[in-house]
Structure formats: C-alpha cells, structure tokens
Amino acid sequence: MNLPRLPGVSFITMDNSASMDDTLSEKSSVTCKDVANLLGSIAHTMCDQAVTSVFGTYHAVVNINPCDSIITNMRRFANTRVEHATHAFKAVRHLRRTNTRVDRIILFSDMQCYIPLHRGCQTSLAVELERYRHQVNPRVVLYAVDLAGYGTAQFPESDQKVATLAGWSEKLLNFIPLFEEDGAQAVARIRSWSPDSH
C-alpha cells in the first residue's frame, strides 16, 4: 500500500458494538466491524504517533505493536471486549479527561451512535468533541468514516473541522492529508483526481 504519512499525533477509534456485526451486503460474510478494525489498523501504519482504541458500551485503549502485521493488530482490536451499545462519545471523552492532545481523530463506525438515557446524561459525540476543543485542542480535526450509509450524521454540517467520509477502501485515507492541506479545496481536488494521474 502506498499511503501518505500523517504527522503529529492521531487518535484512531473503532466501533465494535453489536450493530457492527452486520455484513456489508447480503452476499458478503465481511462485517462492518471487520472493515473498521482493518482500516483502523491500516491507518495506524500511516501515523507518526497514534493512540488506538475501540468502543461499544465501554471504551478501551488498545496498545498495539507497530512491528506486528496489520492483520495481527486488526485481530487485537476485534478481540477487545467493549460490549454491545454504541457510546462513541466515550472515546472522545477519554481524550478530554486524560488531557491527551491529538491533531486528528479518526473514527470508524456505522454511525449508529446514541446517547444513554440514564442518570441524566447530557452528552453526545458532537458535544464531547466541542468540550475537547474547548479544554484541550481547539484545532483538532475529526474524520468520521461511515461504513454503513444509514444517513445518521453525528455532527452539524457547519462544522468545518469535521469531515464525514464513506467507503470501505483504504484509499479513502488519502483524503486526510488533502483535507488538512487544503481544507474546503480538498473536495475539488478529489473530484479532479484520477488513478492515472498518480
């Protein structure tokens, strides 16, 4: 794979909740969870520094060995138990509570994220991102990779530092340095890109 490098510190988190056990199509045996953990493992190889984790009902940091293979690390993510709910906000909350400064957050999910309705919880993925920006790093960029296409957006369209991507190919990771280099111009550059030009 010929993927670009991602400078600085990246936070990569994968949705391992129950809904991610759905297959990509009726004819496929590959699940959304398989793809999330594979893409997360590939993304890790692009990073100068990275913190990796998985989430479900719980959030867990997963320390992986950069010398291990992509498949070995993918399995390590998949074998970390976090139970069945989809509390994505806990991943970003972890960064805030540990005061961990990262340059970007890369989230792989079917975006079926929801807010717990017990104990008066008043938070969500978008709220936790804003809290993180306010308390730790106002410049952080978040990439939400939607692996299912249910249309459940987690962030307002007006947020210029959130990019929502969709797809199952590692080639979508090429978008990240483009976005960070050109911002709004990245869309035009991607539309003009062709496989023959590189």
C-alpha atoms as a PDB file:
ATOM      1  CA  MET A   1       0.000   0.000   0.000  1.00  0.00           C
ATOM      2  CA  ASN A   2       1.278   3.436  -0.922  1.00  0.00           C
ATOM      3  CA  LEU A   3      -0.404   5.670   1.653  1.00  0.00           C
ATOM      4  CA  PRO A   4       0.718   9.115   2.847  1.00  0.00           C
ATOM      5  CA  ARG A   5       2.196   9.811   6.263  1.00  0.00           C
ATOM      6  CA  LEU A   6       0.145  11.573   8.920  1.00  0.00           C
ATOM      7  CA  PRO A   7       2.325  13.879  11.018  1.00  0.00           C
ATOM      8  CA  GLY A   8       1.748  14.682  14.659  1.00  0.00           C
ATOM      9  CA  VAL A   9      -0.470  12.589  16.917  1.00  0.00           C
ATOM     10  CA  SER A  10      -3.578  10.753  15.704  1.00  0.00           C
ATOM     11  CA  PHE A  11      -6.361   9.152  17.729  1.00  0.00           C
ATOM     12  CA  ILE A  12      -7.894   6.194  15.895  1.00  0.00           C
ATOM     13  CA  THR A  13     -11.013   4.586  17.330  1.00  0.00           C
ATOM     14  CA  MET A  14     -13.169   1.751  16.008  1.00  0.00           C
ATOM     15  CA  ASP A  15     -16.813   0.914  16.685  1.00  0.00           C
ATOM     16  CA  ASN A  16     -17.019  -2.688  17.932  1.00  0.00           C
ATOM     17  CA  SER A  17     -20.661  -2.539  19.022  1.00  0.00           C
ATOM     18  CA  ALA A  18     -23.328  -5.112  18.161  1.00  0.00           C
ATOM     19  CA  SER A  19     -24.640  -3.256  15.102  1.00  0.00           C
ATOM     20  CA  MET A  20     -21.192  -3.532  13.541  1.00  0.00           C
ATOM     21  CA  ASP A  21     -21.714  -7.279  13.205  1.00  0.00           C
ATOM     22  CA  ASP A  22     -23.976  -6.578  10.214  1.00  0.00           C
ATOM     23  CA  THR A  23     -22.434  -7.687   6.933  1.00  0.00           C
ATOM     24  CA  LEU A  24     -21.569  -5.235   4.179  1.00  0.00           C
ATOM     25  CA  SER A  25     -24.178  -6.802   1.909  1.00  0.00           C
ATOM     26  CA  GLU A  26     -26.496  -9.795   1.758  1.00  0.00           C
ATOM     27  CA  LYS A  27     -23.929 -11.686  -0.298  1.00  0.00           C
ATOM     28  CA  SER A  28     -20.956 -10.868   1.934  1.00  0.00           C
ATOM     29  CA  SER A  29     -19.616 -12.535   5.060  1.00  0.00           C
ATOM     30  CA  VAL A  30     -17.449  -9.499   5.859  1.00  0.00           C
ATOM     31  CA  THR A  31     -18.860  -7.372   8.678  1.00  0.00           C
ATOM     32  CA  CYS A  32     -18.652  -3.645   9.307  1.00  0.00           C
ATOM     33  CA  LYS A  33     -16.604  -4.499  12.398  1.00  0.00           C
ATOM     34  CA  ASP A  34     -14.074  -6.376  10.249  1.00  0.00           C
ATOM     35  CA  VAL A  35     -13.690  -3.351   7.986  1.00  0.00           C
ATOM     36  CA  ALA A  36     -13.478  -0.858  10.872  1.00  0.00           C
ATOM     37  CA  ASN A  37     -10.724  -2.807  12.598  1.00  0.00           C
ATOM     38  CA  LEU A  38      -8.851  -3.403   9.344  1.00  0.00           C
ATOM     39  CA  LEU A  39      -8.993   0.260   8.300  1.00  0.00           C
ATOM     40  CA  GLY A  40      -8.001   1.320  11.815  1.00  0.00           C
ATOM     41  CA  SER A  41      -5.001  -0.974  11.671  1.00  0.00           C
ATOM     42  CA  ILE A  42      -4.027   0.377   8.240  1.00  0.00           C
ATOM     43  CA  ALA A  43      -4.470   3.978   9.427  1.00  0.00           C
ATOM     44  CA  HIS A  44      -2.132   3.243  12.335  1.00  0.00           C
ATOM     45  CA  THR A  45       0.667   2.410   9.890  1.00  0.00           C
ATOM     46  CA  MET A  46       0.327   5.913   8.376  1.00  0.00           C
ATOM     47  CA  CYS A  47       0.831   7.790  11.639  1.00  0.00           C
ATOM     48  CA  ASP A  48       3.972   9.272  13.129  1.00  0.00           C
ATOM     49  CA  GLN A  49       2.326   8.732  16.520  1.00  0.00           C
ATOM     50  CA  ALA A  50      -1.054   7.213  17.311  1.00  0.00           C
ATOM     51  CA  VAL A  51      -3.348   6.241  20.149  1.00  0.00           C
ATOM     52  CA  THR A  52      -5.706   3.408  19.175  1.00  0.00           C
ATOM     53  CA  SER A  53      -8.929   2.287  20.810  1.00  0.00           C
ATOM     54  CA  VAL A  54     -12.276   0.551  20.387  1.00  0.00           C
ATOM     55  CA  PHE A  55     -15.681   1.421  21.774  1.00  0.00           C
ATOM     56  CA  GLY A  56     -19.089  -0.098  22.372  1.00  0.00           C
ATOM     57  CA  THR A  57     -20.844   0.182  25.730  1.00  0.00           C
ATOM     58  CA  TYR A  58     -17.353   0.869  27.073  1.00  0.00           C
ATOM     59  CA  HIS A  59     -14.241   2.460  25.640  1.00  0.00           C
ATOM     60  CA  ALA A  60     -10.849   0.747  25.728  1.00  0.00           C
ATOM     61  CA  VAL A  61      -7.428   1.930  24.635  1.00  0.00           C
ATOM     62  CA  VAL A  62      -5.678  -0.880  22.759  1.00  0.00           C
ATOM     63  CA  ASN A  63      -1.898  -0.751  22.752  1.00  0.00           C
ATOM     64  CA  ILE A  64      -0.597  -2.348  19.584  1.00  0.00           C
ATOM     65  CA  ASN A  65       2.896  -3.136  18.401  1.00  0.00           C
ATOM     66  CA  PRO A  66       3.829  -1.227  15.222  1.00  0.00           C
ATOM     67  CA  CYS A  67       6.108  -4.130  14.324  1.00  0.00           C
ATOM     68  CA  ASP A  68       3.150  -6.522  14.206  1.00  0.00           C
ATOM     69  CA  SER A  69       1.251  -7.087  10.974  1.00  0.00           C
ATOM     70  CA  ILE A  70      -1.887  -5.205  10.014  1.00  0.00           C
ATOM     71  CA  ILE A  71      -3.924  -8.411  10.416  1.00  0.00           C
ATOM     72  CA  THR A  72      -2.459  -9.144  13.872  1.00  0.00           C
ATOM     73  CA  ASN A  73      -3.370  -5.675  15.071  1.00  0.00           C
ATOM     74  CA  MET A  74      -6.805  -5.907  13.452  1.00  0.00           C
ATOM     75  CA  ARG A  75      -7.453  -9.063  15.479  1.00  0.00           C
ATOM     76  CA  ARG A  76      -6.238  -7.378  18.643  1.00  0.00           C
ATOM     77  CA  PHE A  77      -8.849  -4.661  18.162  1.00  0.00           C
ATOM     78  CA  ALA A  78     -11.563  -7.215  17.378  1.00  0.00           C
ATOM     79  CA  ASN A  79     -10.752  -9.293  20.471  1.00  0.00           C
ATOM     80  CA  THR A  80     -11.054  -6.365  22.892  1.00  0.00           C
ATOM     81  CA  ARG A  81     -14.418  -6.645  24.636  1.00  0.00           C
ATOM     82  CA  VAL A  82     -16.452  -3.475  24.928  1.00  0.00           C
ATOM     83  CA  GLU A  83     -19.996  -4.938  24.929  1.00  0.00           C
ATOM     84  CA  HIS A  84     -22.899  -4.088  22.626  1.00  0.00           C
ATOM     85  CA  ALA A  85     -24.081  -0.456  22.875  1.00  0.00           C
ATOM     86  CA  THR A  86     -22.649   2.343  20.715  1.00  0.00           C
ATOM     87  CA  HIS A  87     -21.323   5.012  23.054  1.00  0.00           C
ATOM     88  CA  ALA A  88     -18.875   6.717  20.688  1.00  0.00           C
ATOM     89  CA  PHE A  89     -18.804   9.814  22.878  1.00  0.00           C
ATOM     90  CA  LYS A  90     -16.772   7.845  25.453  1.00  0.00           C
ATOM     91  CA  ALA A  91     -13.817   7.702  23.064  1.00  0.00           C
ATOM     92  CA  VAL A  92     -13.594  11.500  22.770  1.00  0.00           C
ATOM     93  CA  ARG A  93     -14.413  11.905  26.453  1.00  0.00           C
ATOM     94  CA  HIS A  94     -11.379   9.727  27.239  1.00  0.00           C
ATOM     95  CA  LEU A  95      -9.131  12.177  25.363  1.00  0.00           C
ATOM     96  CA  ARG A  96     -10.613  15.106  27.270  1.00  0.00           C
ATOM     97  CA  ARG A  97     -10.439  13.518  30.705  1.00  0.00           C
ATOM     98  CA  THR A  98      -6.848  12.369  30.198  1.00  0.00           C
ATOM     99  CA  ASN A  99      -5.901  15.733  28.644  1.00  0.00           C
ATOM    100  CA  THR A 100      -4.467  13.900  25.644  1.00  0.00           C
ATOM    101  CA  ARG A 101      -3.647  16.369  22.889  1.00  0.00           C
ATOM    102  CA  VAL A 102      -4.070  14.952  19.389  1.00  0.00           C
ATOM    103  CA  ASP A 103      -4.033  16.596  15.991  1.00  0.00           C
ATOM    104  CA  ARG A 104      -6.785  14.469  14.497  1.00  0.00           C
ATOM    105  CA  ILE A 105      -9.425  11.938  15.477  1.00  0.00           C
ATOM    106  CA  ILE A 106     -10.279   9.163  13.010  1.00  0.00           C
ATOM    107  CA  LEU A 107     -13.476   7.313  13.860  1.00  0.00           C
ATOM    108  CA  PHE A 108     -14.638   4.184  12.014  1.00  0.00           C
ATOM    109  CA  SER A 109     -18.300   3.362  12.663  1.00  0.00           C
ATOM    110  CA  ASP A 110     -21.726   2.674  11.177  1.00  0.00           C
ATOM    111  CA  MET A 111     -22.663   5.946  12.920  1.00  0.00           C
ATOM    112  CA  GLN A 112     -25.496   4.325  14.867  1.00  0.00           C
ATOM    113  CA  CYS A 113     -24.247   6.255  17.893  1.00  0.00           C
ATOM    114  CA  TYR A 114     -26.646   7.216  20.628  1.00  0.00           C
ATOM    115  CA  ILE A 115     -26.883   8.937  23.967  1.00  0.00           C
ATOM    116  CA  PRO A 116     -27.521   6.925  27.139  1.00  0.00           C
ATOM    117  CA  LEU A 117     -30.843   7.877  28.692  1.00  0.00           C
ATOM    118  CA  HIS A 118     -29.993   7.114  32.303  1.00  0.00           C
ATOM    119  CA  ARG A 119     -28.629   9.179  35.212  1.00  0.00           C
ATOM    120  CA  GLY A 120     -29.428  12.433  33.431  1.00  0.00           C
ATOM    121  CA  CYS A 121     -26.606  12.036  30.916  1.00  0.00           C
ATOM    122  CA  GLN A 122     -26.383  15.195  28.783  1.00  0.00           C
ATOM    123  CA  THR A 123     -23.738  14.382  26.228  1.00  0.00           C
ATOM    124  CA  SER A 124     -23.186  13.094  22.716  1.00  0.00           C
ATOM    125  CA  LEU A 125     -20.331  12.626  20.280  1.00  0.00           C
ATOM    126  CA  ALA A 126     -20.690  16.201  18.987  1.00  0.00           C
ATOM    127  CA  VAL A 127     -20.930  17.650  22.500  1.00  0.00           C
ATOM    128  CA  GLU A 128     -17.838  15.769  23.656  1.00  0.00           C
ATOM    129  CA  LEU A 129     -15.913  16.981  20.605  1.00  0.00           C
ATOM    130  CA  GLU A 130     -16.771  20.585  21.474  1.00  0.00           C
ATOM    131  CA  ARG A 131     -15.743  20.023  25.094  1.00  0.00           C
ATOM    132  CA  TYR A 132     -12.451  18.537  23.931  1.00  0.00           C
ATOM    133  CA  ARG A 133     -11.811  21.522  21.664  1.00  0.00           C
ATOM    134  CA  HIS A 134     -12.611  23.943  24.479  1.00  0.00           C
ATOM    135  CA  GLN A 135     -10.486  22.194  27.112  1.00  0.00           C
ATOM    136  CA  VAL A 136      -7.619  20.556  25.193  1.00  0.00           C
ATOM    137  CA  ASN A 137      -7.134  21.349  21.498  1.00  0.00           C
ATOM    138  CA  PRO A 138      -9.339  23.809  19.584  1.00  0.00           C
ATOM    139  CA  ARG A 139      -7.627  22.893  16.294  1.00  0.00           C
ATOM    140  CA  VAL A 140      -8.366  19.155  16.309  1.00  0.00           C
ATOM    141  CA  VAL A 141      -9.914  17.753  13.123  1.00  0.00           C
ATOM    142  CA  LEU A 142     -12.289  14.789  13.211  1.00  0.00           C
ATOM    143  CA  TYR A 143     -12.792  12.296  10.381  1.00  0.00           C
ATOM    144  CA  ALA A 144     -15.998  10.270  10.711  1.00  0.00           C
ATOM    145  CA  VAL A 145     -15.790   7.252   8.397  1.00  0.00           C
ATOM    146  CA  ASP A 146     -19.313   5.915   7.830  1.00  0.00           C
ATOM    147  CA  LEU A 147     -19.137   2.227   6.964  1.00  0.00           C
ATOM    148  CA  ALA A 148     -22.871   1.581   6.581  1.00  0.00           C
ATOM    149  CA  GLY A 149     -24.527   4.572   4.925  1.00  0.00           C
ATOM    150  CA  TYR A 150     -27.598   4.741   7.175  1.00  0.00           C
ATOM    151  CA  GLY A 151     -27.539   8.529   6.909  1.00  0.00           C
ATOM    152  CA  THR A 152     -27.209   9.102  10.644  1.00  0.00           C
ATOM    153  CA  ALA A 153     -24.960  12.176  10.767  1.00  0.00           C
ATOM    154  CA  GLN A 154     -23.396  12.855  14.166  1.00  0.00           C
ATOM    155  CA  PHE A 155     -22.114  16.377  13.561  1.00  0.00           C
ATOM    156  CA  PRO A 156     -23.586  19.622  12.206  1.00  0.00           C
ATOM    157  CA  GLU A 157     -22.757  20.315   8.560  1.00  0.00           C
ATOM    158  CA  SER A 158     -21.478  23.749   9.571  1.00  0.00           C
ATOM    159  CA  ASP A 159     -18.507  22.259  11.454  1.00  0.00           C
ATOM    160  CA  GLN A 160     -15.573  22.986   9.142  1.00  0.00           C
ATOM    161  CA  LYS A 161     -13.216  20.749  11.142  1.00  0.00           C
ATOM    162  CA  VAL A 162     -15.272  17.586  10.720  1.00  0.00           C
ATOM    163  CA  ALA A 163     -15.084  15.549   7.533  1.00  0.00           C
ATOM    164  CA  THR A 164     -17.607  12.751   7.009  1.00  0.00           C
ATOM    165  CA  LEU A 165     -16.317  10.037   4.685  1.00  0.00           C
ATOM    166  CA  ALA A 166     -17.950   6.864   3.430  1.00  0.00           C
ATOM    167  CA  GLY A 167     -16.488   3.710   1.987  1.00  0.00           C
ATOM    168  CA  TRP A 168     -14.615   0.520   2.646  1.00  0.00           C
ATOM    169  CA  SER A 169     -11.369   1.100   0.785  1.00  0.00           C
ATOM    170  CA  GLU A 170      -8.077   2.133   2.344  1.00  0.00           C
ATOM    171  CA  LYS A 171      -7.864   4.714  -0.469  1.00  0.00           C
ATOM    172  CA  LEU A 172     -10.275   6.964   1.443  1.00  0.00           C
ATOM    173  CA  LEU A 173      -7.436   7.523   3.919  1.00  0.00           C
ATOM    174  CA  ASN A 174      -5.670   9.526   1.194  1.00  0.00           C
ATOM    175  CA  PHE A 175      -8.292  12.215   1.829  1.00  0.00           C
ATOM    176  CA  ILE A 176      -6.931  13.071   5.288  1.00  0.00           C
ATOM    177  CA  PRO A 177      -3.715  14.884   4.297  1.00  0.00           C
ATOM    178  CA  LEU A 178      -5.572  16.515   1.390  1.00  0.00           C
ATOM    179  CA  PHE A 179      -8.171  17.928   3.767  1.00  0.00           C
ATOM    180  CA  GLU A 180      -5.551  19.152   6.221  1.00  0.00           C
ATOM    181  CA  GLU A 181      -3.547  20.790   3.468  1.00  0.00           C
ATOM    182  CA  ASP A 182      -6.367  22.439   1.517  1.00  0.00           C
ATOM    183  CA  GLY A 183      -9.479  22.354   3.686  1.00  0.00           C
ATOM    184  CA  ALA A 184     -12.501  23.210   1.550  1.00  0.00           C
ATOM    185  CA  GLN A 185     -10.400  22.900  -1.627  1.00  0.00           C
ATOM    186  CA  ALA A 186      -9.918  19.191  -0.922  1.00  0.00           C
ATOM    187  CA  VAL A 187     -13.308  18.332  -2.433  1.00  0.00           C
ATOM    188  CA  ALA A 188     -12.397  19.965  -5.746  1.00  0.00           C
ATOM    189  CA  ARG A 189      -9.026  18.243  -5.784  1.00  0.00           C
ATOM    190  CA  ILE A 190     -10.601  14.846  -5.129  1.00  0.00           C
ATOM    191  CA  ARG A 191     -13.161  15.357  -7.920  1.00  0.00           C
ATOM    192  CA  SER A 192     -10.344  16.105 -10.354  1.00  0.00           C
ATOM    193  CA  TRP A 193      -8.214  13.167  -9.203  1.00  0.00           C
ATOM    194  CA  SER A 194      -7.933  10.044 -11.310  1.00  0.00           C
ATOM    195  CA  PRO A 195      -5.964   6.809 -10.737  1.00  0.00           C
ATOM    196  CA  ASP A 196      -3.941   7.519 -13.891  1.00  0.00           C
ATOM    197  CA  SER A 197      -2.667  10.835 -12.540  1.00  0.00           C
ATOM    198  CA  HIS A 198      -0.604   9.241  -9.748  1.00  0.00           C
END
